[in-house]
Amino acid sequence: MIGVAASFLLEVVLSALYAPILMLIQSRHVFEVFMGRDSGWKPQRRDSGGTTWSDAWHYHKRHMFLSCATQP
């Protein structure tokens, strides 16, 4: 229970430190859109370019094994 509380407090502190930075970055992007500049946001490609299960397994198997190994 102490680990959960410590994790929660750490998450709150890190989020509070990161929030102002994220707000400034997002505000700048909104301002640039209102000024008519390109936001750099590319449209999604829904009809092609998907990830296969084998590619997902290849790139994420270490993450999955590590997360399973560290669970109590």
PDB file of N, CA and C in Angstrom:
ATOM      1  N   MET A   1       0.820  -1.201   0.000  1.00  0.00           N
ATOM      2  CA  MET A   1       0.000   0.000   0.000  1.00  0.00           C
ATOM      3  C   MET A   1       0.863   1.264   0.000  1.00  0.00           C
ATOM      4  N   ILE A   2       1.996   1.183   0.673  1.00  0.00           N
ATOM      5  CA  ILE A   2       2.899   2.342   0.708  1.00  0.00           C
ATOM      6  C   ILE A   2       3.474   2.610  -0.681  1.00  0.00           C
ATOM      7  N   GLY A   3       3.770   1.540  -1.420  1.00  0.00           N
ATOM      8  CA  GLY A   3       4.293   1.698  -2.779  1.00  0.00           C
ATOM      9  C   GLY A   3       3.304   2.384  -3.702  1.00  0.00           C
ATOM     10  N   VAL A   4       2.029   2.065  -3.559  1.00  0.00           N
ATOM     11  CA  VAL A   4       0.989   2.694  -4.380  1.00  0.00           C
ATOM     12  C   VAL A   4       0.891   4.178  -4.040  1.00  0.00           C
ATOM     13  N   ALA A   5       0.930   4.499  -2.757  1.00  0.00           N
ATOM     14  CA  ALA A   5       0.841   5.904  -2.333  1.00  0.00           C
ATOM     15  C   ALA A   5       2.055   6.685  -2.814  1.00  0.00           C
ATOM     16  N   ALA A   6       3.238   6.084  -2.715  1.00  0.00           N
ATOM     17  CA  ALA A   6       4.448   6.768  -3.179  1.00  0.00           C
ATOM     18  C   ALA A   6       4.409   6.974  -4.687  1.00  0.00           C
ATOM     19  N   SER A   7       3.956   5.967  -5.403  1.00  0.00           N
ATOM     20  CA  SER A   7       3.840   6.088  -6.850  1.00  0.00           C
ATOM     21  C   SER A   7       2.841   7.178  -7.237  1.00  0.00           C
ATOM     22  N   PHE A   8       1.730   7.228  -6.521  1.00  0.00           N
ATOM     23  CA  PHE A   8       0.720   8.250  -6.777  1.00  0.00           C
ATOM     24  C   PHE A   8       1.289   9.650  -6.534  1.00  0.00           C
ATOM     25  N   LEU A   9       1.985   9.830  -5.430  1.00  0.00           N
ATOM     26  CA  LEU A   9       2.558  11.146  -5.124  1.00  0.00           C
ATOM     27  C   LEU A   9       3.617  11.551  -6.140  1.00  0.00           C
ATOM     28  N   LEU A  10       4.442  10.603  -6.559  1.00  0.00           N
ATOM     29  CA  LEU A  10       5.451  10.904  -7.571  1.00  0.00           C
ATOM     30  C   LEU A  10       4.790  11.316  -8.887  1.00  0.00           C
ATOM     31  N   GLU A  11       3.737  10.616  -9.267  1.00  0.00           N
ATOM     32  CA  GLU A  11       3.010  10.952 -10.498  1.00  0.00           C
ATOM     33  C   GLU A  11       2.407  12.347 -10.412  1.00  0.00           C
ATOM     34  N   VAL A  12       1.846  12.704  -9.268  1.00  0.00           N
ATOM     35  CA  VAL A  12       1.252  14.031  -9.097  1.00  0.00           C
ATOM     36  C   VAL A  12       2.320  15.116  -9.194  1.00  0.00           C
ATOM     37  N   VAL A  13       3.458  14.899  -8.552  1.00  0.00           N
ATOM     38  CA  VAL A  13       4.533  15.898  -8.579  1.00  0.00           C
ATOM     39  C   VAL A  13       5.083  16.056  -9.991  1.00  0.00           C
ATOM     40  N   LEU A  14       5.358  14.953 -10.665  1.00  0.00           N
ATOM     41  CA  LEU A  14       5.894  15.045 -12.026  1.00  0.00           C
ATOM     42  C   LEU A  14       4.892  15.670 -12.990  1.00  0.00           C
ATOM     43  N   SER A  15       3.623  15.357 -12.827  1.00  0.00           N
ATOM     44  CA  SER A  15       2.593  15.960 -13.681  1.00  0.00           C
ATOM     45  C   SER A  15       2.489  17.452 -13.445  1.00  0.00           C
ATOM     46  N   ALA A  16       2.601  17.875 -12.184  1.00  0.00           N
ATOM     47  CA  ALA A  16       2.532  19.304 -11.870  1.00  0.00           C
ATOM     48  C   ALA A  16       3.733  20.052 -12.438  1.00  0.00           C
ATOM     49  N   LEU A  17       4.880  19.398 -12.504  1.00  0.00           N
ATOM     50  CA  LEU A  17       6.065  20.047 -13.076  1.00  0.00           C
ATOM     51  C   LEU A  17       6.006  20.093 -14.598  1.00  0.00           C
ATOM     52  N   TYR A  18       5.417  19.083 -15.189  1.00  0.00           N
ATOM     53  CA  TYR A  18       5.376  18.988 -16.651  1.00  0.00           C
ATOM     54  C   TYR A  18       4.231  19.783 -17.270  1.00  0.00           C
ATOM     55  N   ALA A  19       3.153  19.983 -16.536  1.00  0.00           N
ATOM     56  CA  ALA A  19       1.956  20.641 -17.080  1.00  0.00           C
ATOM     57  C   ALA A  19       2.220  22.037 -17.639  1.00  0.00           C
ATOM     58  N   PRO A  20       2.942  22.917 -16.949  1.00  0.00           N
ATOM     59  CA  PRO A  20       3.172  24.254 -17.522  1.00  0.00           C
ATOM     60  C   PRO A  20       3.974  24.213 -18.827  1.00  0.00           C
ATOM     61  N   ILE A  21       4.930  23.306 -18.908  1.00  0.00           N
ATOM     62  CA  ILE A  21       5.724  23.190 -20.132  1.00  0.00           C
ATOM     63  C   ILE A  21       4.839  22.740 -21.286  1.00  0.00           C
ATOM     64  N   LEU A  22       4.016  21.731 -21.032  1.00  0.00           N
ATOM     65  CA  LEU A  22       3.107  21.238 -22.056  1.00  0.00           C
ATOM     66  C   LEU A  22       2.108  22.312 -22.478  1.00  0.00           C
ATOM     67  N   MET A  23       1.619  23.105 -21.520  1.00  0.00           N
ATOM     68  CA  MET A  23       0.675  24.168 -21.835  1.00  0.00           C
ATOM     69  C   MET A  23       1.305  25.212 -22.759  1.00  0.00           C
ATOM     70  N   LEU A  24       2.554  25.579 -22.499  1.00  0.00           N
ATOM     71  CA  LEU A  24       3.224  26.561 -23.356  1.00  0.00           C
ATOM     72  C   LEU A  24       3.425  26.023 -24.769  1.00  0.00           C
ATOM     73  N   ILE A  25       3.806  24.774 -24.879  1.00  0.00           N
ATOM     74  CA  ILE A  25       4.017  24.173 -26.201  1.00  0.00           C
ATOM     75  C   ILE A  25       2.706  24.127 -26.977  1.00  0.00           C
ATOM     76  N   GLN A  26       1.640  23.681 -26.319  1.00  0.00           N
ATOM     77  CA  GLN A  26       0.349  23.597 -26.998  1.00  0.00           C
ATOM     78  C   GLN A  26      -0.204  24.982 -27.327  1.00  0.00           C
ATOM     79  N   SER A  27       0.000  25.950 -26.457  1.00  0.00           N
ATOM     80  CA  SER A  27      -0.456  27.319 -26.731  1.00  0.00           C
ATOM     81  C   SER A  27       0.257  27.892 -27.943  1.00  0.00           C
ATOM     82  N   ARG A  28       1.544  27.609 -28.062  1.00  0.00           N
ATOM     83  CA  ARG A  28       2.289  28.087 -29.220  1.00  0.00           C
ATOM     84  C   ARG A  28       1.737  27.491 -30.507  1.00  0.00           C
ATOM     85  N   HIS A  29       1.415  26.186 -30.486  1.00  0.00           N
ATOM     86  CA  HIS A  29       0.866  25.545 -31.682  1.00  0.00           C
ATOM     87  C   HIS A  29      -0.495  26.137 -32.055  1.00  0.00           C
ATOM     88  N   VAL A  30      -1.343  26.386 -31.077  1.00  0.00           N
ATOM     89  CA  VAL A  30      -2.648  26.990 -31.354  1.00  0.00           C
ATOM     90  C   VAL A  30      -2.462  28.383 -31.939  1.00  0.00           C
ATOM     91  N   PHE A  31      -1.557  29.162 -31.377  1.00  0.00           N
ATOM     92  CA  PHE A  31      -1.283  30.507 -31.882  1.00  0.00           C
ATOM     93  C   PHE A  31      -0.797  30.454 -33.333  1.00  0.00           C
ATOM     94  N   GLU A  32       0.079  29.493 -33.641  1.00  0.00           N
ATOM     95  CA  GLU A  32       0.588  29.370 -35.007  1.00  0.00           C
ATOM     96  C   GLU A  32      -0.526  29.006 -35.982  1.00  0.00           C
ATOM     97  N   VAL A  33      -1.457  28.168 -35.574  1.00  0.00           N
ATOM     98  CA  VAL A  33      -2.585  27.820 -36.441  1.00  0.00           C
ATOM     99  C   VAL A  33      -3.438  29.050 -36.692  1.00  0.00           C
ATOM    100  N   PHE A  34      -3.703  29.844 -35.655  1.00  0.00           N
ATOM    101  CA  PHE A  34      -4.497  31.059 -35.827  1.00  0.00           C
ATOM    102  C   PHE A  34      -3.798  32.078 -36.711  1.00  0.00           C
ATOM    103  N   MET A  35      -2.470  32.049 -36.751  1.00  0.00           N
ATOM    104  CA  MET A  35      -1.717  32.962 -37.607  1.00  0.00           C
ATOM    105  C   MET A  35      -1.612  32.442 -39.041  1.00  0.00           C
ATOM    106  N   GLY A  36      -2.181  31.267 -39.309  1.00  0.00           N
ATOM    107  CA  GLY A  36      -2.196  30.732 -40.661  1.00  0.00           C
ATOM    108  C   GLY A  36      -0.990  29.888 -41.011  1.00  0.00           C
ATOM    109  N   ARG A  37      -0.179  29.539 -40.069  1.00  0.00           N
ATOM    110  CA  ARG A  37       0.991  28.715 -40.350  1.00  0.00           C
ATOM    111  C   ARG A  37       0.611  27.238 -40.339  1.00  0.00           C
ATOM    112  N   ASP A  38       1.430  26.446 -40.996  1.00  0.00           N
ATOM    113  CA  ASP A  38       1.207  25.001 -41.036  1.00  0.00           C
ATOM    114  C   ASP A  38       1.530  24.419 -39.660  1.00  0.00           C
ATOM    115  N   SER A  39       0.626  23.640 -39.143  1.00  0.00           N
ATOM    116  CA  SER A  39       0.834  23.060 -37.823  1.00  0.00           C
ATOM    117  C   SER A  39       1.767  21.853 -37.870  1.00  0.00           C
ATOM    118  N   GLY A  40       1.987  21.285 -39.045  1.00  0.00           N
ATOM    119  CA  GLY A  40       2.835  20.117 -39.172  1.00  0.00           C
ATOM    120  C   GLY A  40       2.095  18.821 -38.894  1.00  0.00           C
ATOM    121  N   TRP A  41       0.796  18.895 -38.639  1.00  0.00           N
ATOM    122  CA  TRP A  41       0.006  17.706 -38.341  1.00  0.00           C
ATOM    123  C   TRP A  41      -0.335  17.015 -39.645  1.00  0.00           C
ATOM    124  N   LYS A  42       0.105  15.780 -39.783  1.00  0.00           N
ATOM    125  CA  LYS A  42      -0.162  15.011 -40.994  1.00  0.00           C
ATOM    126  C   LYS A  42      -1.463  14.236 -40.828  1.00  0.00           C
ATOM    127  N   PRO A  43      -2.246  14.105 -41.899  1.00  0.00           N
ATOM    128  CA  PRO A  43      -3.486  13.332 -41.804  1.00  0.00           C
ATOM    129  C   PRO A  43      -3.188  11.853 -41.586  1.00  0.00           C
ATOM    130  N   GLN A  44      -4.127  11.167 -40.971  1.00  0.00           N
ATOM    131  CA  GLN A  44      -3.967   9.745 -40.722  1.00  0.00           C
ATOM    132  C   GLN A  44      -4.139   8.960 -42.009  1.00  0.00           C
ATOM    133  N   ARG A  45      -3.403   7.867 -42.108  1.00  0.00           N
ATOM    134  CA  ARG A  45      -3.553   6.948 -43.225  1.00  0.00           C
ATOM    135  C   ARG A  45      -4.284   5.727 -42.703  1.00  0.00           C
ATOM    136  N   ARG A  46      -5.564   5.664 -42.928  1.00  0.00           N
ATOM    137  CA  ARG A  46      -6.353   4.568 -42.384  1.00  0.00           C
ATOM    138  C   ARG A  46      -6.439   3.371 -43.314  1.00  0.00           C
ATOM    139  N   ASP A  47      -6.167   3.561 -44.600  1.00  0.00           N
ATOM    140  CA  ASP A  47      -6.338   2.472 -45.547  1.00  0.00           C
ATOM    141  C   ASP A  47      -5.073   1.662 -45.793  1.00  0.00           C
ATOM    142  N   SER A  48      -3.915   2.167 -45.404  1.00  0.00           N
ATOM    143  CA  SER A  48      -2.672   1.422 -45.638  1.00  0.00           C
ATOM    144  C   SER A  48      -1.659   1.756 -44.544  1.00  0.00           C
ATOM    145  N   GLY A  49      -0.598   1.019 -44.558  1.00  0.00           N
ATOM    146  CA  GLY A  49       0.470   1.296 -43.601  1.00  0.00           C
ATOM    147  C   GLY A  49       0.206   0.758 -42.214  1.00  0.00           C
ATOM    148  N   GLY A  50      -0.636  -0.264 -42.083  1.00  0.00           N
ATOM    149  CA  GLY A  50      -0.952  -0.829 -40.778  1.00  0.00           C
ATOM    150  C   GLY A  50       0.199  -1.659 -40.222  1.00  0.00           C
ATOM    151  N   THR A  51       0.120  -1.946 -38.945  1.00  0.00           N
ATOM    152  CA  THR A  51       1.113  -2.773 -38.279  1.00  0.00           C
ATOM    153  C   THR A  51       0.594  -4.207 -38.192  1.00  0.00           C
ATOM    154  N   THR A  52       1.409  -5.148 -38.613  1.00  0.00           N
ATOM    155  CA  THR A  52       1.015  -6.548 -38.506  1.00  0.00           C
ATOM    156  C   THR A  52       1.311  -7.048 -37.091  1.00  0.00           C
ATOM    157  N   TRP A  53       0.670  -8.175 -36.733  1.00  0.00           N
ATOM    158  CA  TRP A  53       0.909  -8.750 -35.408  1.00  0.00           C
ATOM    159  C   TRP A  53       2.363  -9.176 -35.258  1.00  0.00           C
ATOM    160  N   SER A  54       2.958  -9.671 -36.323  1.00  0.00           N
ATOM    161  CA  SER A  54       4.361 -10.098 -36.231  1.00  0.00           C
ATOM    162  C   SER A  54       5.296  -8.909 -36.018  1.00  0.00           C
ATOM    163  N   ASP A  55       5.014  -7.775 -36.673  1.00  0.00           N
ATOM    164  CA  ASP A  55       5.819  -6.571 -36.444  1.00  0.00           C
ATOM    165  C   ASP A  55       5.659  -6.064 -35.009  1.00  0.00           C
ATOM    166  N   ALA A  56       4.421  -6.066 -34.525  1.00  0.00           N
ATOM    167  CA  ALA A  56       4.177  -5.620 -33.149  1.00  0.00           C
ATOM    168  C   ALA A  56       4.912  -6.514 -32.161  1.00  0.00           C
ATOM    169  N   TRP A  57       4.863  -7.835 -32.392  1.00  0.00           N
ATOM    170  CA  TRP A  57       5.563  -8.769 -31.509  1.00  0.00           C
ATOM    171  C   TRP A  57       7.071  -8.533 -31.572  1.00  0.00           C
ATOM    172  N   HIS A  58       7.612  -8.329 -32.774  1.00  0.00           N
ATOM    173  CA  HIS A  58       9.047  -8.117 -32.953  1.00  0.00           C
ATOM    174  C   HIS A  58       9.530  -6.888 -32.176  1.00  0.00           C
ATOM    175  N   TYR A  59       8.798  -5.804 -32.233  1.00  0.00           N
ATOM    176  CA  TYR A  59       9.245  -4.562 -31.621  1.00  0.00           C
ATOM    177  C   TYR A  59       8.922  -4.466 -30.129  1.00  0.00           C
ATOM    178  N   HIS A  60       7.952  -5.215 -29.648  1.00  0.00           N
ATOM    179  CA  HIS A  60       7.509  -5.036 -28.260  1.00  0.00           C
ATOM    180  C   HIS A  60       7.659  -6.266 -27.375  1.00  0.00           C
ATOM    181  N   LYS A  61       8.264  -7.337 -27.854  1.00  0.00           N
ATOM    182  CA  LYS A  61       8.377  -8.545 -27.037  1.00  0.00           C
ATOM    183  C   LYS A  61       9.242  -8.318 -25.804  1.00  0.00           C
ATOM    184  N   ARG A  62      10.302  -7.524 -25.919  1.00  0.00           N
ATOM    185  CA  ARG A  62      11.140  -7.251 -24.742  1.00  0.00           C
ATOM    186  C   ARG A  62      10.375  -6.481 -23.683  1.00  0.00           C
ATOM    187  N   HIS A  63       9.559  -5.510 -24.112  1.00  0.00           N
ATOM    188  CA  HIS A  63       8.761  -4.744 -23.148  1.00  0.00           C
ATOM    189  C   HIS A  63       7.793  -5.666 -22.419  1.00  0.00           C
ATOM    190  N   MET A  64       7.172  -6.571 -23.179  1.00  0.00           N
ATOM    191  CA  MET A  64       6.187  -7.473 -22.579  1.00  0.00           C
ATOM    192  C   MET A  64       6.861  -8.426 -21.592  1.00  0.00           C
ATOM    193  N   PHE A  65       8.006  -8.992 -21.965  1.00  0.00           N
ATOM    194  CA  PHE A  65       8.707  -9.903 -21.072  1.00  0.00           C
ATOM    195  C   PHE A  65       9.186  -9.181 -19.813  1.00  0.00           C
ATOM    196  N   LEU A  66       9.691  -7.963 -19.981  1.00  0.00           N
ATOM    197  CA  LEU A  66      10.168  -7.200 -18.835  1.00  0.00           C
ATOM    198  C   LEU A  66       9.027  -6.861 -17.884  1.00  0.00           C
ATOM    199  N   SER A  67       7.892  -6.466 -18.429  1.00  0.00           N
ATOM    200  CA  SER A  67       6.763  -6.132 -17.560  1.00  0.00           C
ATOM    201  C   SER A  67       6.223  -7.369 -16.854  1.00  0.00           C
ATOM    202  N   CYS A  68       6.220  -8.515 -17.522  1.00  0.00           N
ATOM    203  CA  CYS A  68       5.769  -9.745 -16.867  1.00  0.00           C
ATOM    204  C   CYS A  68       6.756 -10.191 -15.796  1.00  0.00           C
ATOM    205  N   ALA A  69       8.040 -10.003 -16.039  1.00  0.00           N
ATOM    206  CA  ALA A  69       9.068 -10.442 -15.091  1.00  0.00           C
ATOM    207  C   ALA A  69       9.100  -9.578 -13.836  1.00  0.00           C
ATOM    208  N   THR A  70       8.666  -8.332 -13.936  1.00  0.00           N
ATOM    209  CA  THR A  70       8.753  -7.435 -12.784  1.00  0.00           C
ATOM    210  C   THR A  70       7.468  -7.412 -11.957  1.00  0.00           C
ATOM    211  N   GLN A  71       6.452  -8.137 -12.389  1.00  0.00           N
ATOM    212  CA  GLN A  71       5.204  -8.186 -11.617  1.00  0.00           C
ATOM    213  C   GLN A  71       5.387  -9.101 -10.407  1.00  0.00           C
ATOM    214  N   PRO A  72       4.827  -8.730  -9.249  1.00  0.00           N
ATOM    215  CA  PRO A  72       4.986  -9.573  -8.060  1.00  0.00           C
ATOM    216  C   PRO A  72       4.208 -10.865  -8.152  1.00  0.00           C
TER     217      PRO A  72
END
